[in-house]
Amino acid sequence: MYDIFAKIALSKIEEAINNGEFDDLPGEGKPVNLDYLVSIPPEMRAAYTVLKNSGVVPEEVHLLKQISELRKQLSACPEGESKNQLTKKLMDTEVKYKLMLETTRRKKR
């Protein structure tokens, strides 16, 4: 079943290329930035890409951005009370993210 759809899709893509429909598109010849996919589990990347292209950002992505930002702040923060607060906030955010992932995985079963 998949092979049929893959062949149809490839046929349509080749037809569009031959008709020049992909010529002069914005960003032509520039590398595609896929850095945002690094922190997303492989089994969820396709779904996140579709959501991102639709303008919808899941809560998990917001949490990943928060985690990344908190890690940057921690690395630049001197020892002391503020570093302890940042560490606690980072741990809380990571736990929340992991719980969301686990909930999603259980729903898929």
PDB file of N, CA and C in Angstrom:
ATOM      1  N   MET A   1       0.826  -1.193   0.000  1.00  0.00           N
ATOM      2  CA  MET A   1       0.000   0.000   0.000  1.00  0.00           C
ATOM      3  C   MET A   1       0.873   1.261   0.000  1.00  0.00           C
ATOM      4  N   TYR A   2       1.895   1.266   0.875  1.00  0.00           N
ATOM      5  CA  TYR A   2       2.781   2.417   0.952  1.00  0.00           C
ATOM      6  C   TYR A   2       3.501   2.645  -0.369  1.00  0.00           C
ATOM      7  N   ASP A   3       3.921   1.574  -1.007  1.00  0.00           N
ATOM      8  CA  ASP A   3       4.654   1.688  -2.261  1.00  0.00           C
ATOM      9  C   ASP A   3       3.841   2.405  -3.332  1.00  0.00           C
ATOM     10  N   ILE A   4       2.555   2.165  -3.370  1.00  0.00           N
ATOM     11  CA  ILE A   4       1.695   2.822  -4.361  1.00  0.00           C
ATOM     12  C   ILE A   4       1.696   4.327  -4.138  1.00  0.00           C
ATOM     13  N   PHE A   5       1.503   4.736  -2.869  1.00  0.00           N
ATOM     14  CA  PHE A   5       1.475   6.163  -2.562  1.00  0.00           C
ATOM     15  C   PHE A   5       2.836   6.808  -2.780  1.00  0.00           C
ATOM     16  N   ALA A   6       3.898   6.097  -2.439  1.00  0.00           N
ATOM     17  CA  ALA A   6       5.242   6.623  -2.646  1.00  0.00           C
ATOM     18  C   ALA A   6       5.515   6.819  -4.133  1.00  0.00           C
ATOM     19  N   LYS A   7       5.103   5.875  -4.951  1.00  0.00           N
ATOM     20  CA  LYS A   7       5.311   5.988  -6.397  1.00  0.00           C
ATOM     21  C   LYS A   7       4.511   7.146  -6.981  1.00  0.00           C
ATOM     22  N   ILE A   8       3.280   7.311  -6.514  1.00  0.00           N
ATOM     23  CA  ILE A   8       2.451   8.428  -6.991  1.00  0.00           C
ATOM     24  C   ILE A   8       3.088   9.753  -6.596  1.00  0.00           C
ATOM     25  N   ALA A   9       3.528   9.846  -5.340  1.00  0.00           N
ATOM     26  CA  ALA A   9       4.152  11.078  -4.858  1.00  0.00           C
ATOM     27  C   ALA A   9       5.417  11.392  -5.648  1.00  0.00           C
ATOM     28  N   LEU A  10       6.270  10.397  -5.845  1.00  0.00           N
ATOM     29  CA  LEU A  10       7.499  10.614  -6.606  1.00  0.00           C
ATOM     30  C   LEU A  10       7.202  11.020  -8.041  1.00  0.00           C
ATOM     31  N   SER A  11       6.191  10.423  -8.622  1.00  0.00           N
ATOM     32  CA  SER A  11       5.794  10.771  -9.981  1.00  0.00           C
ATOM     33  C   SER A  11       5.361  12.232 -10.064  1.00  0.00           C
ATOM     34  N   LYS A  12       4.554  12.665  -9.099  1.00  0.00           N
ATOM     35  CA  LYS A  12       4.080  14.059  -9.077  1.00  0.00           C
ATOM     36  C   LYS A  12       5.242  15.030  -8.850  1.00  0.00           C
ATOM     37  N   ILE A  13       6.172  14.659  -7.992  1.00  0.00           N
ATOM     38  CA  ILE A  13       7.333  15.519  -7.736  1.00  0.00           C
ATOM     39  C   ILE A  13       8.187  15.638  -8.988  1.00  0.00           C
ATOM     40  N   GLU A  14       8.448  14.526  -9.656  1.00  0.00           N
ATOM     41  CA  GLU A  14       9.237  14.558 -10.890  1.00  0.00           C
ATOM     42  C   GLU A  14       8.545  15.389 -11.962  1.00  0.00           C
ATOM     43  N   GLU A  15       7.236  15.264 -12.052  1.00  0.00           N
ATOM     44  CA  GLU A  15       6.461  16.045 -13.018  1.00  0.00           C
ATOM     45  C   GLU A  15       6.586  17.540 -12.715  1.00  0.00           C
ATOM     46  N   ALA A  16       6.494  17.903 -11.446  1.00  0.00           N
ATOM     47  CA  ALA A  16       6.612  19.310 -11.056  1.00  0.00           C
ATOM     48  C   ALA A  16       8.014  19.841 -11.348  1.00  0.00           C
ATOM     49  N   ILE A  17       9.034  19.029 -11.107  1.00  0.00           N
ATOM     50  CA  ILE A  17      10.405  19.437 -11.404  1.00  0.00           C
ATOM     51  C   ILE A  17      10.564  19.677 -12.896  1.00  0.00           C
ATOM     52  N   ASN A  18      10.069  18.754 -13.712  1.00  0.00           N
ATOM     53  CA  ASN A  18      10.175  18.887 -15.168  1.00  0.00           C
ATOM     54  C   ASN A  18       9.411  20.097 -15.689  1.00  0.00           C
ATOM     55  N   ASN A  19       8.314  20.462 -15.029  1.00  0.00           N
ATOM     56  CA  ASN A  19       7.524  21.629 -15.440  1.00  0.00           C
ATOM     57  C   ASN A  19       8.080  22.934 -14.886  1.00  0.00           C
ATOM     58  N   GLY A  20       9.146  22.853 -14.077  1.00  0.00           N
ATOM     59  CA  GLY A  20       9.766  24.056 -13.533  1.00  0.00           C
ATOM     60  C   GLY A  20       9.001  24.681 -12.378  1.00  0.00           C
ATOM     61  N   GLU A  21       8.122  23.925 -11.750  1.00  0.00           N
ATOM     62  CA  GLU A  21       7.311  24.476 -10.669  1.00  0.00           C
ATOM     63  C   GLU A  21       8.114  24.756  -9.396  1.00  0.00           C
ATOM     64  N   PHE A  22       9.304  24.191  -9.290  1.00  0.00           N
ATOM     65  CA  PHE A  22      10.138  24.429  -8.115  1.00  0.00           C
ATOM     66  C   PHE A  22      11.218  25.473  -8.383  1.00  0.00           C
ATOM     67  N   ASP A  23      11.229  26.048  -9.573  1.00  0.00           N
ATOM     68  CA  ASP A  23      12.220  27.063  -9.910  1.00  0.00           C
ATOM     69  C   ASP A  23      11.852  28.389  -9.244  1.00  0.00           C
ATOM     70  N   ASP A  24      12.860  29.141  -8.850  1.00  0.00           N
ATOM     71  CA  ASP A  24      12.698  30.489  -8.294  1.00  0.00           C
ATOM     72  C   ASP A  24      11.853  30.530  -7.021  1.00  0.00           C
ATOM     73  N   LEU A  25      11.909  29.499  -6.222  1.00  0.00           N
ATOM     74  CA  LEU A  25      11.217  29.516  -4.932  1.00  0.00           C
ATOM     75  C   LEU A  25      12.063  30.283  -3.917  1.00  0.00           C
ATOM     76  N   PRO A  26      11.435  30.919  -2.927  1.00  0.00           N
ATOM     77  CA  PRO A  26      12.220  31.603  -1.894  1.00  0.00           C
ATOM     78  C   PRO A  26      13.124  30.603  -1.177  1.00  0.00           C
ATOM     79  N   GLY A  27      14.356  30.988  -0.951  1.00  0.00           N
ATOM     80  CA  GLY A  27      15.289  30.109  -0.257  1.00  0.00           C
ATOM     81  C   GLY A  27      15.963  29.091  -1.154  1.00  0.00           C
ATOM     82  N   GLU A  28      15.755  29.203  -2.460  1.00  0.00           N
ATOM     83  CA  GLU A  28      16.352  28.241  -3.391  1.00  0.00           C
ATOM     84  C   GLU A  28      17.875  28.266  -3.267  1.00  0.00           C
ATOM     85  N   GLY A  29      18.463  27.094  -3.151  1.00  0.00           N
ATOM     86  CA  GLY A  29      19.910  26.976  -3.063  1.00  0.00           C
ATOM     87  C   GLY A  29      20.471  27.180  -1.668  1.00  0.00           C
ATOM     88  N   LYS A  30      19.625  27.524  -0.704  1.00  0.00           N
ATOM     89  CA  LYS A  30      20.080  27.732   0.669  1.00  0.00           C
ATOM     90  C   LYS A  30      19.806  26.464   1.477  1.00  0.00           C
ATOM     91  N   PRO A  31      20.668  26.184   2.456  1.00  0.00           N
ATOM     92  CA  PRO A  31      20.447  24.983   3.268  1.00  0.00           C
ATOM     93  C   PRO A  31      19.191  25.115   4.125  1.00  0.00           C
ATOM     94  N   VAL A  32      18.547  24.005   4.365  1.00  0.00           N
ATOM     95  CA  VAL A  32      17.357  23.977   5.204  1.00  0.00           C
ATOM     96  C   VAL A  32      17.808  23.816   6.653  1.00  0.00           C
ATOM     97  N   ASN A  33      17.287  24.661   7.539  1.00  0.00           N
ATOM     98  CA  ASN A  33      17.650  24.600   8.949  1.00  0.00           C
ATOM     99  C   ASN A  33      16.771  23.571   9.658  1.00  0.00           C
ATOM    100  N   LEU A  34      17.361  22.469  10.041  1.00  0.00           N
ATOM    101  CA  LEU A  34      16.636  21.408  10.740  1.00  0.00           C
ATOM    102  C   LEU A  34      17.102  21.261  12.189  1.00  0.00           C
ATOM    103  N   ASP A  35      17.740  22.302  12.732  1.00  0.00           N
ATOM    104  CA  ASP A  35      18.261  22.241  14.095  1.00  0.00           C
ATOM    105  C   ASP A  35      17.171  21.966  15.124  1.00  0.00           C
ATOM    106  N   TYR A  36      15.971  22.453  14.860  1.00  0.00           N
ATOM    107  CA  TYR A  36      14.893  22.270  15.829  1.00  0.00           C
ATOM    108  C   TYR A  36      14.528  20.793  16.002  1.00  0.00           C
ATOM    109  N   LEU A  37      14.884  19.957  15.043  1.00  0.00           N
ATOM    110  CA  LEU A  37      14.552  18.533  15.125  1.00  0.00           C
ATOM    111  C   LEU A  37      15.478  17.751  16.053  1.00  0.00           C
ATOM    112  N   VAL A  38      16.628  18.309  16.366  1.00  0.00           N
ATOM    113  CA  VAL A  38      17.616  17.597  17.167  1.00  0.00           C
ATOM    114  C   VAL A  38      17.055  17.212  18.534  1.00  0.00           C
ATOM    115  N   SER A  39      16.298  18.105  19.153  1.00  0.00           N
ATOM    116  CA  SER A  39      15.808  17.848  20.508  1.00  0.00           C
ATOM    117  C   SER A  39      14.475  17.108  20.539  1.00  0.00           C
ATOM    118  N   ILE A  40      13.918  16.796  19.380  1.00  0.00           N
ATOM    119  CA  ILE A  40      12.624  16.111  19.311  1.00  0.00           C
ATOM    120  C   ILE A  40      12.866  14.622  19.080  1.00  0.00           C
ATOM    121  N   PRO A  41      12.204  13.768  19.843  1.00  0.00           N
ATOM    122  CA  PRO A  41      12.385  12.323  19.654  1.00  0.00           C
ATOM    123  C   PRO A  41      12.078  11.912  18.211  1.00  0.00           C
ATOM    124  N   PRO A  42      12.866  11.003  17.638  1.00  0.00           N
ATOM    125  CA  PRO A  42      12.698  10.619  16.228  1.00  0.00           C
ATOM    126  C   PRO A  42      11.285  10.194  15.857  1.00  0.00           C
ATOM    127  N   GLU A  43      10.607   9.484  16.753  1.00  0.00           N
ATOM    128  CA  GLU A  43       9.266   9.004  16.418  1.00  0.00           C
ATOM    129  C   GLU A  43       8.229  10.121  16.368  1.00  0.00           C
ATOM    130  N   MET A  44       8.597  11.322  16.848  1.00  0.00           N
ATOM    131  CA  MET A  44       7.637  12.429  16.870  1.00  0.00           C
ATOM    132  C   MET A  44       7.989  13.535  15.874  1.00  0.00           C
ATOM    133  N   ARG A  45       9.103  13.409  15.170  1.00  0.00           N
ATOM    134  CA  ARG A  45       9.573  14.479  14.285  1.00  0.00           C
ATOM    135  C   ARG A  45       8.619  14.781  13.135  1.00  0.00           C
ATOM    136  N   ALA A  46       8.075  13.763  12.513  1.00  0.00           N
ATOM    137  CA  ALA A  46       7.163  13.996  11.384  1.00  0.00           C
ATOM    138  C   ALA A  46       5.934  14.765  11.841  1.00  0.00           C
ATOM    139  N   ALA A  47       5.373  14.369  12.959  1.00  0.00           N
ATOM    140  CA  ALA A  47       4.180  15.054  13.475  1.00  0.00           C
ATOM    141  C   ALA A  47       4.501  16.499  13.834  1.00  0.00           C
ATOM    142  N   TYR A  48       5.645  16.736  14.481  1.00  0.00           N
ATOM    143  CA  TYR A  48       6.011  18.099  14.842  1.00  0.00           C
ATOM    144  C   TYR A  48       6.251  18.962  13.608  1.00  0.00           C
ATOM    145  N   THR A  49       6.852  18.382  12.584  1.00  0.00           N
ATOM    146  CA  THR A  49       7.097  19.146  11.361  1.00  0.00           C
ATOM    147  C   THR A  49       5.783  19.571  10.720  1.00  0.00           C
ATOM    148  N   VAL A  50       4.820  18.664  10.679  1.00  0.00           N
ATOM    149  CA  VAL A  50       3.500  19.000  10.122  1.00  0.00           C
ATOM    150  C   VAL A  50       2.849  20.099  10.955  1.00  0.00           C
ATOM    151  N   LEU A  51       2.887  19.956  12.267  1.00  0.00           N
ATOM    152  CA  LEU A  51       2.293  20.971  13.142  1.00  0.00           C
ATOM    153  C   LEU A  51       2.994  22.317  12.983  1.00  0.00           C
ATOM    154  N   LYS A  52       4.316  22.293  12.912  1.00  0.00           N
ATOM    155  CA  LYS A  52       5.080  23.535  12.759  1.00  0.00           C
ATOM    156  C   LYS A  52       4.722  24.225  11.447  1.00  0.00           C
ATOM    157  N   ASN A  53       4.631  23.459  10.377  1.00  0.00           N
ATOM    158  CA  ASN A  53       4.277  24.035   9.080  1.00  0.00           C
ATOM    159  C   ASN A  53       2.857  24.573   9.062  1.00  0.00           C
ATOM    160  N   SER A  54       2.017  24.069   9.955  1.00  0.00           N
ATOM    161  CA  SER A  54       0.631  24.540  10.053  1.00  0.00           C
ATOM    162  C   SER A  54       0.502  25.723  11.003  1.00  0.00           C
ATOM    163  N   GLY A  55       1.599  26.099  11.628  1.00  0.00           N
ATOM    164  CA  GLY A  55       1.563  27.223  12.554  1.00  0.00           C
ATOM    165  C   GLY A  55       1.149  26.844  13.966  1.00  0.00           C
ATOM    166  N   VAL A  56       1.105  25.555  14.256  1.00  0.00           N
ATOM    167  CA  VAL A  56       0.728  25.078  15.583  1.00  0.00           C
ATOM    168  C   VAL A  56       1.984  24.536  16.260  1.00  0.00           C
ATOM    169  N   VAL A  57       2.231  25.002  17.471  1.00  0.00           N
ATOM    170  CA  VAL A  57       3.396  24.523  18.196  1.00  0.00           C
ATOM    171  C   VAL A  57       2.923  23.794  19.452  1.00  0.00           C
ATOM    172  N   PRO A  58       3.227  22.506  19.567  1.00  0.00           N
ATOM    173  CA  PRO A  58       2.805  21.738  20.737  1.00  0.00           C
ATOM    174  C   PRO A  58       3.487  22.221  22.018  1.00  0.00           C
ATOM    175  N   GLU A  59       2.874  21.939  23.133  1.00  0.00           N
ATOM    176  CA  GLU A  59       3.418  22.326  24.437  1.00  0.00           C
ATOM    177  C   GLU A  59       4.812  21.746  24.650  1.00  0.00           C
ATOM    178  N   GLU A  60       5.060  20.543  24.152  1.00  0.00           N
ATOM    179  CA  GLU A  60       6.368  19.921  24.321  1.00  0.00           C
ATOM    180  C   GLU A  60       7.480  20.771  23.706  1.00  0.00           C
ATOM    181  N   VAL A  61       7.191  21.399  22.581  1.00  0.00           N
ATOM    182  CA  VAL A  61       8.192  22.241  21.921  1.00  0.00           C
ATOM    183  C   VAL A  61       8.484  23.472  22.770  1.00  0.00           C
ATOM    184  N   HIS A  62       7.440  24.058  23.345  1.00  0.00           N
ATOM    185  CA  HIS A  62       7.653  25.197  24.248  1.00  0.00           C
ATOM    186  C   HIS A  62       8.535  24.780  25.427  1.00  0.00           C
ATOM    187  N   LEU A  63       8.270  23.605  25.964  1.00  0.00           N
ATOM    188  CA  LEU A  63       9.068  23.121  27.093  1.00  0.00           C
ATOM    189  C   LEU A  63      10.518  22.882  26.684  1.00  0.00           C
ATOM    190  N   LEU A  64      10.740  22.332  25.498  1.00  0.00           N
ATOM    191  CA  LEU A  64      12.107  22.120  25.019  1.00  0.00           C
ATOM    192  C   LEU A  64      12.853  23.446  24.876  1.00  0.00           C
ATOM    193  N   LYS A  65      12.155  24.459  24.395  1.00  0.00           N
ATOM    194  CA  LYS A  65      12.781  25.781  24.270  1.00  0.00           C
ATOM    195  C   LYS A  65      13.120  26.340  25.645  1.00  0.00           C
ATOM    196  N   GLN A  66      12.204  26.163  26.606  1.00  0.00           N
ATOM    197  CA  GLN A  66      12.463  26.619  27.972  1.00  0.00           C
ATOM    198  C   GLN A  66      13.670  25.895  28.563  1.00  0.00           C
ATOM    199  N   ILE A  67      13.735  24.592  28.357  1.00  0.00           N
ATOM    200  CA  ILE A  67      14.855  23.802  28.876  1.00  0.00           C
ATOM    201  C   ILE A  67      16.170  24.298  28.288  1.00  0.00           C
ATOM    202  N   SER A  68      16.188  24.527  27.000  1.00  0.00           N
ATOM    203  CA  SER A  68      17.394  25.022  26.334  1.00  0.00           C
ATOM    204  C   SER A  68      17.804  26.386  26.886  1.00  0.00           C
ATOM    205  N   GLU A  69      16.835  27.272  27.042  1.00  0.00           N
ATOM    206  CA  GLU A  69      17.118  28.613  27.562  1.00  0.00           C
ATOM    207  C   GLU A  69      17.608  28.547  29.008  1.00  0.00           C
ATOM    208  N   LEU A  70      16.985  27.714  29.814  1.00  0.00           N
ATOM    209  CA  LEU A  70      17.412  27.576  31.211  1.00  0.00           C
ATOM    210  C   LEU A  70      18.835  27.030  31.299  1.00  0.00           C
ATOM    211  N   ARG A  71      19.187  26.106  30.429  1.00  0.00           N
ATOM    212  CA  ARG A  71      20.555  25.568  30.427  1.00  0.00           C
ATOM    213  C   ARG A  71      21.569  26.654  30.076  1.00  0.00           C
ATOM    214  N   LYS A  72      21.217  27.506  29.108  1.00  0.00           N
ATOM    215  CA  LYS A  72      22.106  28.617  28.746  1.00  0.00           C
ATOM    216  C   LYS A  72      22.274  29.567  29.923  1.00  0.00           C
ATOM    217  N   GLN A  73      21.158  29.887  30.586  1.00  0.00           N
ATOM    218  CA  GLN A  73      21.217  30.787  31.737  1.00  0.00           C
ATOM    219  C   GLN A  73      22.059  30.185  32.860  1.00  0.00           C
ATOM    220  N   LEU A  74      21.900  28.889  33.071  1.00  0.00           N
ATOM    221  CA  LEU A  74      22.671  28.219  34.129  1.00  0.00           C
ATOM    222  C   LEU A  74      24.168  28.259  33.855  1.00  0.00           C
ATOM    223  N   SER A  75      24.540  28.047  32.611  1.00  0.00           N
ATOM    224  CA  SER A  75      25.969  28.035  32.281  1.00  0.00           C
ATOM    225  C   SER A  75      26.606  29.410  32.463  1.00  0.00           C
ATOM    226  N   ALA A  76      25.806  30.464  32.349  1.00  0.00           N
ATOM    227  CA  ALA A  76      26.332  31.820  32.495  1.00  0.00           C
ATOM    228  C   ALA A  76      26.140  32.379  33.904  1.00  0.00           C
ATOM    229  N   CYS A  77      25.440  31.651  34.749  1.00  0.00           N
ATOM    230  CA  CYS A  77      25.088  32.145  36.075  1.00  0.00           C
ATOM    231  C   CYS A  77      26.188  31.813  37.093  1.00  0.00           C
ATOM    232  N   PRO A  78      26.582  32.805  37.912  1.00  0.00           N
ATOM    233  CA  PRO A  78      27.559  32.511  38.966  1.00  0.00           C
ATOM    234  C   PRO A  78      26.910  31.683  40.079  1.00  0.00           C
ATOM    235  N   GLU A  79      27.737  31.034  40.871  1.00  0.00           N
ATOM    236  CA  GLU A  79      27.233  30.234  41.993  1.00  0.00           C
ATOM    237  C   GLU A  79      26.430  31.127  42.935  1.00  0.00           C
ATOM    238  N   GLY A  80      25.423  30.545  43.535  1.00  0.00           N
ATOM    239  CA  GLY A  80      24.632  31.302  44.499  1.00  0.00           C
ATOM    240  C   GLY A  80      23.174  30.918  44.441  1.00  0.00           C
ATOM    241  N   GLU A  81      22.362  31.739  45.102  1.00  0.00           N
ATOM    242  CA  GLU A  81      20.930  31.460  45.217  1.00  0.00           C
ATOM    243  C   GLU A  81      20.232  31.463  43.858  1.00  0.00           C
ATOM    244  N   SER A  82      20.604  32.390  42.978  1.00  0.00           N
ATOM    245  CA  SER A  82      19.938  32.445  41.670  1.00  0.00           C
ATOM    246  C   SER A  82      20.244  31.187  40.848  1.00  0.00           C
ATOM    247  N   LYS A  83      21.453  30.660  40.992  1.00  0.00           N
ATOM    248  CA  LYS A  83      21.805  29.425  40.276  1.00  0.00           C
ATOM    249  C   LYS A  83      20.991  28.258  40.828  1.00  0.00           C
ATOM    250  N   ASN A  84      20.791  28.222  42.128  1.00  0.00           N
ATOM    251  CA  ASN A  84      19.974  27.171  42.737  1.00  0.00           C
ATOM    252  C   ASN A  84      18.531  27.248  42.247  1.00  0.00           C
ATOM    253  N   GLN A  85      17.998  28.451  42.137  1.00  0.00           N
ATOM    254  CA  GLN A  85      16.627  28.634  41.646  1.00  0.00           C
ATOM    255  C   GLN A  85      16.509  28.191  40.189  1.00  0.00           C
ATOM    256  N   LEU A  86      17.503  28.560  39.380  1.00  0.00           N
ATOM    257  CA  LEU A  86      17.499  28.148  37.972  1.00  0.00           C
ATOM    258  C   LEU A  86      17.592  26.626  37.842  1.00  0.00           C
ATOM    259  N   THR A  87      18.416  26.015  38.684  1.00  0.00           N
ATOM    260  CA  THR A  87      18.555  24.557  38.655  1.00  0.00           C
ATOM    261  C   THR A  87      17.234  23.886  38.989  1.00  0.00           C
ATOM    262  N   LYS A  88      16.550  24.392  40.011  1.00  0.00           N
ATOM    263  CA  LYS A  88      15.254  23.828  40.393  1.00  0.00           C
ATOM    264  C   LYS A  88      14.235  24.005  39.268  1.00  0.00           C
ATOM    265  N   LYS A  89      14.220  25.195  38.671  1.00  0.00           N
ATOM    266  CA  LYS A  89      13.278  25.453  37.577  1.00  0.00           C
ATOM    267  C   LYS A  89      13.569  24.534  36.390  1.00  0.00           C
ATOM    268  N   LEU A  90      14.849  24.331  36.088  1.00  0.00           N
ATOM    269  CA  LEU A  90      15.232  23.433  34.995  1.00  0.00           C
ATOM    270  C   LEU A  90      14.768  22.007  35.284  1.00  0.00           C
ATOM    271  N   MET A  91      15.012  21.533  36.493  1.00  0.00           N
ATOM    272  CA  MET A  91      14.597  20.166  36.840  1.00  0.00           C
ATOM    273  C   MET A  91      13.078  20.019  36.760  1.00  0.00           C
ATOM    274  N   ASP A  92      12.344  21.006  37.241  1.00  0.00           N
ATOM    275  CA  ASP A  92      10.877  20.956  37.172  1.00  0.00           C
ATOM    276  C   ASP A  92      10.390  20.914  35.725  1.00  0.00           C
ATOM    277  N   THR A  93      11.002  21.727  34.882  1.00  0.00           N
ATOM    278  CA  THR A  93      10.608  21.781  33.471  1.00  0.00           C
ATOM    279  C   THR A  93      10.938  20.466  32.768  1.00  0.00           C
ATOM    280  N   GLU A  94      12.095  19.889  33.085  1.00  0.00           N
ATOM    281  CA  GLU A  94      12.469  18.601  32.485  1.00  0.00           C
ATOM    282  C   GLU A  94      11.511  17.492  32.915  1.00  0.00           C
ATOM    283  N   VAL A  95      11.108  17.501  34.180  1.00  0.00           N
ATOM    284  CA  VAL A  95      10.156  16.494  34.660  1.00  0.00           C
ATOM    285  C   VAL A  95       8.821  16.650  33.935  1.00  0.00           C
ATOM    286  N   LYS A  96       8.359  17.883  33.800  1.00  0.00           N
ATOM    287  CA  LYS A  96       7.095  18.136  33.101  1.00  0.00           C
ATOM    288  C   LYS A  96       7.171  17.640  31.658  1.00  0.00           C
ATOM    289  N   TYR A  97       8.298  17.914  30.986  1.00  0.00           N
ATOM    290  CA  TYR A  97       8.486  17.473  29.606  1.00  0.00           C
ATOM    291  C   TYR A  97       8.476  15.944  29.517  1.00  0.00           C
ATOM    292  N   LYS A  98       9.212  15.290  30.409  1.00  0.00           N
ATOM    293  CA  LYS A  98       9.283  13.826  30.375  1.00  0.00           C
ATOM    294  C   LYS A  98       7.925  13.195  30.660  1.00  0.00           C
ATOM    295  N   LEU A  99       7.153  13.799  31.554  1.00  0.00           N
ATOM    296  CA  LEU A  99       5.805  13.297  31.830  1.00  0.00           C
ATOM    297  C   LEU A  99       4.906  13.422  30.602  1.00  0.00           C
ATOM    298  N   MET A 100       5.031  14.537  29.886  1.00  0.00           N
ATOM    299  CA  MET A 100       4.234  14.721  28.668  1.00  0.00           C
ATOM    300  C   MET A 100       4.610  13.676  27.623  1.00  0.00           C
ATOM    301  N   LEU A 101       5.903  13.416  27.470  1.00  0.00           N
ATOM    302  CA  LEU A 101       6.350  12.406  26.505  1.00  0.00           C
ATOM    303  C   LEU A 101       5.827  11.025  26.881  1.00  0.00           C
ATOM    304  N   GLU A 102       5.917  10.693  28.151  1.00  0.00           N
ATOM    305  CA  GLU A 102       5.450   9.383  28.601  1.00  0.00           C
ATOM    306  C   GLU A 102       3.947   9.239  28.383  1.00  0.00           C
ATOM    307  N   THR A 103       3.200  10.291  28.650  1.00  0.00           N
ATOM    308  CA  THR A 103       1.752  10.265  28.420  1.00  0.00           C
ATOM    309  C   THR A 103       1.448  10.048  26.947  1.00  0.00           C
ATOM    310  N   THR A 104       2.185  10.723  26.083  1.00  0.00           N
ATOM    311  CA  THR A 104       1.994  10.574  24.641  1.00  0.00           C
ATOM    312  C   THR A 104       2.319   9.152  24.199  1.00  0.00           C
ATOM    313  N   ARG A 105       3.404   8.604  24.709  1.00  0.00           N
ATOM    314  CA  ARG A 105       3.794   7.240  24.337  1.00  0.00           C
ATOM    315  C   ARG A 105       2.757   6.217  24.790  1.00  0.00           C
ATOM    316  N   ARG A 106       2.207   6.407  25.967  1.00  0.00           N
ATOM    317  CA  ARG A 106       1.197   5.468  26.474  1.00  0.00           C
ATOM    318  C   ARG A 106      -0.087   5.539  25.663  1.00  0.00           C
ATOM    319  N   LYS A 107      -0.432   6.721  25.184  1.00  0.00           N
ATOM    320  CA  LYS A 107      -1.642   6.866  24.364  1.00  0.00           C
ATOM    321  C   LYS A 107      -1.493   6.140  23.033  1.00  0.00           C
ATOM    322  N   LYS A 108      -0.258   6.058  22.537  1.00  0.00           N
ATOM    323  CA  LYS A 108      -0.011   5.408  21.247  1.00  0.00           C
ATOM    324  C   LYS A 108      -0.142   3.893  21.337  1.00  0.00           C
ATOM    325  N   ARG A 109      -0.022   3.335  22.522  1.00  0.00           N
ATOM    326  CA  ARG A 109      -0.071   1.873  22.685  1.00  0.00           C
ATOM    327  C   ARG A 109      -1.446   1.384  22.625  1.00  0.00           C
TER     328      ARG A 109
END
